[in-house]
Amino acid sequence: MGTAAKPFRVNGHPRVKAGLRWRAGDPYSIGERTDGQCSLRLPTLRSDGDIVGASEEFQKVMDAINPVLEPNGFGPVSVLDEGSQGWWSVTSSNAQGARVRIFGRTWVKLAFSVPVESETCAAGELIGLAP
């Protein structure tokens, strides 16, 4: 007799497993947001497929990430925002303006950004950060 598979967990919280493979996406970058604030964007992760259908219209993902977001000062996510042409997203922010965004269409991307003080808000300020 085999043993039952244990659910994946992150910091004691269940992880959604939808058979996706993840790879590195965009590298570090810096630039102005639409509100004019300079923002450091951390390296992203990108999946090889969509997760919305496999996660009961994203409910399982929200159930898994909210217990991680909230104790770290980020607001809970409860609504999957649907954009044009099949795009969707969820975004959470904290009081300092840091953002966690999960979005996609036929793939999923995890993006993290934080406002920074910068005189130039230019790529030259990223020298020395890991790729």
N, C-alpha and C. Protein backbone atom coordinates (compact mmCIF):
# COMPACT_ATOMS: atom_id res chain seq x y z
N MET A 1 0.82 -1.18 0.00
CA MET A 1 0.00 0.00 0.00
C MET A 1 0.86 1.25 0.00
N GLY A 2 0.48 2.19 -0.85
CA GLY A 2 1.20 3.46 -0.91
C GLY A 2 0.65 4.43 0.09
N THR A 3 1.40 5.48 0.31
CA THR A 3 0.93 6.52 1.22
C THR A 3 0.26 7.62 0.41
N ALA A 4 -0.69 8.27 1.02
CA ALA A 4 -1.39 9.37 0.35
C ALA A 4 -0.44 10.54 0.15
N ALA A 5 -0.57 11.19 -0.97
CA ALA A 5 0.27 12.35 -1.25
C ALA A 5 -0.08 13.49 -0.30
N LYS A 6 0.94 14.15 0.21
CA LYS A 6 0.72 15.29 1.09
C LYS A 6 0.59 16.54 0.23
N PRO A 7 -0.29 17.47 0.62
CA PRO A 7 -0.43 18.71 -0.17
C PRO A 7 0.83 19.55 -0.06
N PHE A 8 1.13 20.29 -1.12
CA PHE A 8 2.23 21.23 -1.08
C PHE A 8 1.88 22.33 -0.11
N ARG A 9 2.89 22.83 0.62
CA ARG A 9 2.62 23.89 1.59
C ARG A 9 3.73 24.94 1.50
N VAL A 10 3.37 26.20 1.73
CA VAL A 10 4.31 27.30 1.83
C VAL A 10 4.06 27.96 3.18
N ASN A 11 5.06 27.96 4.04
CA ASN A 11 4.91 28.52 5.38
C ASN A 11 3.67 27.96 6.08
N GLY A 12 3.41 26.68 5.90
CA GLY A 12 2.28 26.03 6.54
C GLY A 12 0.96 26.19 5.83
N HIS A 13 0.94 26.93 4.72
CA HIS A 13 -0.30 27.17 3.99
C HIS A 13 -0.32 26.33 2.71
N PRO A 14 -1.49 25.83 2.30
CA PRO A 14 -1.55 25.01 1.10
C PRO A 14 -1.18 25.79 -0.15
N ARG A 15 -0.50 25.14 -1.08
CA ARG A 15 -0.16 25.74 -2.37
C ARG A 15 -1.04 25.12 -3.43
N VAL A 16 -1.42 25.92 -4.40
CA VAL A 16 -2.17 25.40 -5.54
C VAL A 16 -1.18 24.71 -6.46
N LYS A 17 -1.48 23.50 -6.85
CA LYS A 17 -0.65 22.80 -7.82
C LYS A 17 -1.54 22.52 -9.02
N ALA A 18 -1.25 23.17 -10.11
CA ALA A 18 -2.08 23.01 -11.30
C ALA A 18 -1.27 22.42 -12.45
N GLY A 19 -0.17 21.74 -12.13
CA GLY A 19 0.64 21.14 -13.16
C GLY A 19 1.41 22.14 -13.99
N LEU A 20 1.67 23.30 -13.44
CA LEU A 20 2.39 24.34 -14.17
C LEU A 20 3.89 24.23 -13.90
N ARG A 21 4.66 24.60 -14.90
CA ARG A 21 6.10 24.75 -14.73
C ARG A 21 6.38 26.24 -14.74
N TRP A 22 7.30 26.67 -13.90
CA TRP A 22 7.64 28.08 -13.78
C TRP A 22 9.05 28.32 -14.28
N ARG A 23 9.27 29.49 -14.84
CA ARG A 23 10.61 29.88 -15.31
C ARG A 23 10.80 31.36 -14.99
N ALA A 24 12.07 31.77 -15.07
CA ALA A 24 12.37 33.18 -14.86
C ALA A 24 11.70 34.00 -15.95
N GLY A 25 11.16 35.13 -15.55
CA GLY A 25 10.53 36.05 -16.50
C GLY A 25 11.41 37.26 -16.70
N ASP A 26 10.87 38.42 -16.45
CA ASP A 26 11.60 39.67 -16.62
C ASP A 26 12.64 39.84 -15.50
N PRO A 27 13.79 40.47 -15.80
CA PRO A 27 14.79 40.73 -14.77
C PRO A 27 14.41 41.96 -13.94
N TYR A 28 15.28 42.32 -12.98
CA TYR A 28 15.09 43.56 -12.24
C TYR A 28 14.90 44.71 -13.22
N SER A 29 14.07 45.67 -12.86
CA SER A 29 13.95 46.89 -13.66
C SER A 29 13.51 48.02 -12.74
N ILE A 30 13.68 49.23 -13.22
CA ILE A 30 13.28 50.40 -12.46
C ILE A 30 12.64 51.38 -13.44
N GLY A 31 11.62 52.06 -13.00
CA GLY A 31 10.97 53.03 -13.87
C GLY A 31 9.80 53.68 -13.16
N GLU A 32 9.24 54.67 -13.80
CA GLU A 32 8.12 55.39 -13.20
C GLU A 32 6.81 54.66 -13.45
N ARG A 33 5.98 54.62 -12.43
CA ARG A 33 4.62 54.10 -12.56
C ARG A 33 3.77 55.19 -13.21
N THR A 34 2.56 54.85 -13.54
CA THR A 34 1.66 55.84 -14.14
C THR A 34 1.38 57.01 -13.20
N ASP A 35 1.53 56.79 -11.88
CA ASP A 35 1.31 57.87 -10.91
C ASP A 35 2.56 58.72 -10.69
N GLY A 36 3.66 58.43 -11.44
CA GLY A 36 4.89 59.20 -11.34
C GLY A 36 5.87 58.70 -10.30
N GLN A 37 5.47 57.77 -9.46
CA GLN A 37 6.34 57.21 -8.43
C GLN A 37 7.39 56.29 -9.07
N CYS A 38 8.66 56.43 -8.67
CA CYS A 38 9.71 55.53 -9.15
C CYS A 38 9.51 54.17 -8.46
N SER A 39 9.61 53.11 -9.22
CA SER A 39 9.32 51.78 -8.71
C SER A 39 10.40 50.79 -9.12
N LEU A 40 10.88 50.01 -8.15
CA LEU A 40 11.79 48.91 -8.41
C LEU A 40 10.93 47.68 -8.64
N ARG A 41 11.11 47.04 -9.78
CA ARG A 41 10.38 45.82 -10.10
C ARG A 41 11.33 44.64 -9.97
N LEU A 42 10.98 43.72 -9.09
CA LEU A 42 11.81 42.54 -8.85
C LEU A 42 11.66 41.55 -9.99
N PRO A 43 12.59 40.60 -10.13
CA PRO A 43 12.46 39.60 -11.19
C PRO A 43 11.12 38.87 -11.09
N THR A 44 10.52 38.61 -12.24
CA THR A 44 9.21 37.96 -12.27
C THR A 44 9.38 36.46 -12.52
N LEU A 45 8.30 35.73 -12.27
CA LEU A 45 8.20 34.32 -12.63
C LEU A 45 7.06 34.19 -13.62
N ARG A 46 7.22 33.28 -14.58
CA ARG A 46 6.19 33.08 -15.59
C ARG A 46 5.94 31.59 -15.76
N SER A 47 4.66 31.23 -15.86
CA SER A 47 4.28 29.82 -16.01
C SER A 47 4.21 29.44 -17.48
N ASP A 48 4.07 28.15 -17.70
CA ASP A 48 3.92 27.65 -19.07
C ASP A 48 2.45 27.45 -19.45
N GLY A 49 1.53 27.80 -18.57
CA GLY A 49 0.11 27.64 -18.86
C GLY A 49 -0.75 28.47 -17.93
N ASP A 50 -2.05 28.45 -18.16
CA ASP A 50 -3.00 29.22 -17.37
C ASP A 50 -3.37 28.46 -16.11
N ILE A 51 -3.85 29.19 -15.11
CA ILE A 51 -4.23 28.58 -13.84
C ILE A 51 -5.68 28.83 -13.47
N VAL A 52 -6.35 29.73 -14.16
CA VAL A 52 -7.70 30.13 -13.74
C VAL A 52 -8.67 28.95 -13.71
N GLY A 53 -8.78 28.21 -14.79
CA GLY A 53 -9.70 27.08 -14.83
C GLY A 53 -9.35 25.99 -13.84
N ALA A 54 -8.05 25.74 -13.67
CA ALA A 54 -7.60 24.67 -12.78
C ALA A 54 -7.74 25.03 -11.31
N SER A 55 -8.07 26.27 -11.01
CA SER A 55 -8.13 26.72 -9.62
C SER A 55 -9.52 27.23 -9.23
N GLU A 56 -10.55 26.68 -9.89
CA GLU A 56 -11.92 27.11 -9.62
C GLU A 56 -12.04 28.62 -9.77
N GLU A 57 -11.70 29.11 -10.97
CA GLU A 57 -11.75 30.53 -11.29
C GLU A 57 -10.92 31.36 -10.31
N PHE A 58 -9.77 30.83 -9.92
CA PHE A 58 -8.76 31.50 -9.10
C PHE A 58 -9.07 31.47 -7.61
N GLN A 59 -10.18 30.90 -7.21
CA GLN A 59 -10.53 30.88 -5.78
C GLN A 59 -9.49 30.13 -4.96
N LYS A 60 -9.00 29.00 -5.47
CA LYS A 60 -7.99 28.24 -4.72
C LYS A 60 -6.70 29.04 -4.55
N VAL A 61 -6.34 29.82 -5.56
CA VAL A 61 -5.13 30.65 -5.45
C VAL A 61 -5.34 31.72 -4.39
N MET A 62 -6.48 32.40 -4.43
CA MET A 62 -6.75 33.43 -3.43
C MET A 62 -6.77 32.83 -2.02
N ASP A 63 -7.36 31.65 -1.88
CA ASP A 63 -7.39 30.98 -0.57
C ASP A 63 -5.98 30.66 -0.08
N ALA A 64 -5.06 30.36 -1.00
CA ALA A 64 -3.69 30.01 -0.63
C ALA A 64 -2.83 31.23 -0.36
N ILE A 65 -3.03 32.33 -1.10
CA ILE A 65 -2.12 33.47 -0.93
C ILE A 65 -2.55 34.46 0.15
N ASN A 66 -3.84 34.55 0.44
CA ASN A 66 -4.29 35.52 1.45
C ASN A 66 -3.67 35.28 2.82
N PRO A 67 -3.54 34.02 3.30
CA PRO A 67 -2.90 33.82 4.60
C PRO A 67 -1.42 34.21 4.61
N VAL A 68 -0.81 34.36 3.44
CA VAL A 68 0.58 34.81 3.34
C VAL A 68 0.62 36.33 3.19
N LEU A 69 -0.29 36.90 2.41
CA LEU A 69 -0.31 38.34 2.18
C LEU A 69 -0.65 39.12 3.44
N GLU A 70 -1.74 38.76 4.07
CA GLU A 70 -2.29 39.55 5.18
C GLU A 70 -1.33 39.73 6.37
N PRO A 71 -0.68 38.68 6.87
CA PRO A 71 0.24 38.89 8.00
C PRO A 71 1.47 39.73 7.64
N ASN A 72 1.71 39.90 6.35
CA ASN A 72 2.85 40.69 5.89
C ASN A 72 2.44 42.09 5.45
N GLY A 73 1.24 42.52 5.86
CA GLY A 73 0.81 43.89 5.63
C GLY A 73 0.15 44.17 4.29
N PHE A 74 -0.11 43.12 3.50
CA PHE A 74 -0.78 43.30 2.21
C PHE A 74 -2.26 43.02 2.36
N GLY A 75 -3.07 43.73 1.59
CA GLY A 75 -4.50 43.50 1.62
C GLY A 75 -4.86 42.16 0.98
N PRO A 76 -5.96 41.55 1.41
CA PRO A 76 -6.38 40.29 0.82
C PRO A 76 -6.90 40.51 -0.61
N VAL A 77 -6.80 39.47 -1.41
CA VAL A 77 -7.39 39.50 -2.75
C VAL A 77 -8.64 38.64 -2.72
N SER A 78 -9.72 39.17 -3.30
CA SER A 78 -10.98 38.43 -3.26
C SER A 78 -11.71 38.42 -4.60
N VAL A 79 -11.22 39.20 -5.55
CA VAL A 79 -11.90 39.30 -6.84
C VAL A 79 -10.88 39.14 -7.96
N LEU A 80 -11.20 38.31 -8.90
CA LEU A 80 -10.39 38.16 -10.10
C LEU A 80 -10.85 39.23 -11.08
N ASP A 81 -9.98 40.21 -11.35
CA ASP A 81 -10.32 41.29 -12.27
C ASP A 81 -10.15 40.79 -13.70
N GLU A 82 -11.19 40.93 -14.49
CA GLU A 82 -11.14 40.50 -15.87
C GLU A 82 -10.96 41.70 -16.78
N GLY A 83 -9.91 41.66 -17.59
CA GLY A 83 -9.63 42.73 -18.53
C GLY A 83 -10.12 42.36 -19.92
N SER A 84 -9.69 43.13 -20.88
CA SER A 84 -10.10 42.87 -22.26
C SER A 84 -9.30 41.73 -22.86
N GLN A 85 -9.83 41.12 -23.87
CA GLN A 85 -9.19 40.06 -24.65
C GLN A 85 -8.74 38.88 -23.80
N GLY A 86 -9.46 38.58 -22.73
CA GLY A 86 -9.16 37.42 -21.92
C GLY A 86 -8.13 37.61 -20.83
N TRP A 87 -7.59 38.81 -20.66
CA TRP A 87 -6.63 39.06 -19.60
C TRP A 87 -7.33 39.08 -18.25
N TRP A 88 -6.65 38.67 -17.20
CA TRP A 88 -7.18 38.69 -15.84
C TRP A 88 -6.03 39.06 -14.90
N SER A 89 -6.38 39.50 -13.68
CA SER A 89 -5.34 39.83 -12.71
C SER A 89 -5.92 39.92 -11.30
N VAL A 90 -5.03 39.80 -10.32
CA VAL A 90 -5.30 40.16 -8.93
C VAL A 90 -4.09 40.96 -8.47
N THR A 91 -4.35 41.98 -7.66
CA THR A 91 -3.28 42.85 -7.17
C THR A 91 -3.51 43.12 -5.69
N SER A 92 -2.43 43.11 -4.93
CA SER A 92 -2.49 43.46 -3.52
C SER A 92 -1.37 44.44 -3.23
N SER A 93 -1.65 45.41 -2.36
CA SER A 93 -0.66 46.43 -2.00
C SER A 93 -0.55 46.54 -0.49
N ASN A 94 0.57 47.09 -0.04
CA ASN A 94 0.71 47.37 1.39
C ASN A 94 0.76 48.88 1.60
N ALA A 95 0.86 49.30 2.86
CA ALA A 95 0.82 50.73 3.19
C ALA A 95 1.99 51.52 2.60
N GLN A 96 3.10 50.85 2.33
CA GLN A 96 4.27 51.53 1.76
C GLN A 96 4.21 51.59 0.23
N GLY A 97 3.20 51.01 -0.37
CA GLY A 97 3.04 51.06 -1.82
C GLY A 97 3.62 49.88 -2.57
N ALA A 98 4.16 48.89 -1.86
CA ALA A 98 4.64 47.68 -2.53
C ALA A 98 3.44 46.95 -3.12
N ARG A 99 3.64 46.31 -4.27
CA ARG A 99 2.54 45.61 -4.95
C ARG A 99 2.93 44.18 -5.30
N VAL A 100 1.98 43.29 -5.11
CA VAL A 100 2.09 41.92 -5.59
C VAL A 100 1.00 41.78 -6.65
N ARG A 101 1.39 41.37 -7.85
CA ARG A 101 0.40 41.25 -8.93
C ARG A 101 0.55 39.89 -9.59
N ILE A 102 -0.55 39.22 -9.75
CA ILE A 102 -0.60 37.94 -10.47
C ILE A 102 -1.54 38.17 -11.64
N PHE A 103 -1.05 37.93 -12.85
CA PHE A 103 -1.88 38.21 -14.02
C PHE A 103 -1.54 37.25 -15.16
N GLY A 104 -2.41 37.21 -16.14
CA GLY A 104 -2.15 36.36 -17.29
C GLY A 104 -3.31 36.28 -18.24
N ARG A 105 -3.15 35.38 -19.17
CA ARG A 105 -4.18 35.07 -20.16
C ARG A 105 -4.05 33.59 -20.50
N THR A 106 -3.04 33.23 -21.24
CA THR A 106 -2.78 31.82 -21.52
C THR A 106 -1.59 31.32 -20.72
N TRP A 107 -1.03 32.18 -19.89
CA TRP A 107 0.06 31.89 -18.97
C TRP A 107 -0.14 32.75 -17.74
N VAL A 108 0.66 32.55 -16.71
CA VAL A 108 0.55 33.31 -15.46
C VAL A 108 1.88 33.98 -15.18
N LYS A 109 1.83 35.21 -14.71
CA LYS A 109 3.04 35.94 -14.34
C LYS A 109 2.89 36.46 -12.91
N LEU A 110 3.92 36.27 -12.10
CA LEU A 110 3.98 36.80 -10.74
C LEU A 110 4.91 38.00 -10.76
N ALA A 111 4.42 39.16 -10.35
CA ALA A 111 5.23 40.38 -10.39
C ALA A 111 5.18 41.08 -9.04
N PHE A 112 6.33 41.62 -8.64
CA PHE A 112 6.46 42.31 -7.37
C PHE A 112 7.15 43.65 -7.62
N SER A 113 6.61 44.72 -7.04
CA SER A 113 7.26 46.03 -7.19
C SER A 113 7.16 46.79 -5.88
N VAL A 114 8.10 47.71 -5.69
CA VAL A 114 8.14 48.52 -4.49
C VAL A 114 8.58 49.93 -4.87
N PRO A 115 7.91 50.97 -4.32
CA PRO A 115 8.33 52.33 -4.63
C PRO A 115 9.68 52.62 -3.98
N VAL A 116 10.50 53.37 -4.69
CA VAL A 116 11.82 53.74 -4.19
C VAL A 116 12.06 55.22 -4.42
N GLU A 117 12.93 55.79 -3.60
CA GLU A 117 13.34 57.17 -3.83
C GLU A 117 14.54 57.15 -4.75
N SER A 118 14.48 57.94 -5.80
CA SER A 118 15.54 57.93 -6.79
C SER A 118 15.59 59.28 -7.49
N GLU A 119 16.80 59.78 -7.70
CA GLU A 119 16.93 61.04 -8.44
C GLU A 119 16.72 60.82 -9.93
N THR A 120 17.18 59.67 -10.44
CA THR A 120 17.10 59.45 -11.89
C THR A 120 16.07 58.41 -12.29
N CYS A 121 15.75 57.48 -11.39
CA CYS A 121 14.83 56.38 -11.70
C CYS A 121 15.28 55.70 -13.01
N ALA A 122 16.58 55.44 -13.09
CA ALA A 122 17.17 54.89 -14.32
C ALA A 122 17.86 53.56 -14.06
N ALA A 123 17.99 52.75 -15.11
CA ALA A 123 18.56 51.41 -15.02
C ALA A 123 19.96 51.38 -14.42
N GLY A 124 20.75 52.45 -14.56
CA GLY A 124 22.10 52.49 -14.00
C GLY A 124 22.12 52.28 -12.50
N GLU A 125 21.02 52.54 -11.84
CA GLU A 125 20.96 52.36 -10.40
C GLU A 125 20.84 50.88 -10.00
N LEU A 126 20.64 50.01 -10.97
CA LEU A 126 20.47 48.60 -10.68
C LEU A 126 21.79 47.82 -10.71
N ILE A 127 22.89 48.50 -11.03
CA ILE A 127 24.20 47.83 -11.08
C ILE A 127 24.48 47.18 -9.74
N GLY A 128 24.84 45.91 -9.78
CA GLY A 128 25.15 45.18 -8.55
C GLY A 128 24.01 44.30 -8.06
N LEU A 129 22.81 44.48 -8.57
CA LEU A 129 21.72 43.58 -8.20
C LEU A 129 21.87 42.28 -8.97
N ALA A 130 21.52 41.19 -8.34
CA ALA A 130 21.61 39.88 -9.00
C ALA A 130 20.72 39.87 -10.24
N PRO A 131 21.14 39.12 -11.27
CA PRO A 131 20.32 39.08 -12.50
C PRO A 131 18.96 38.48 -12.27
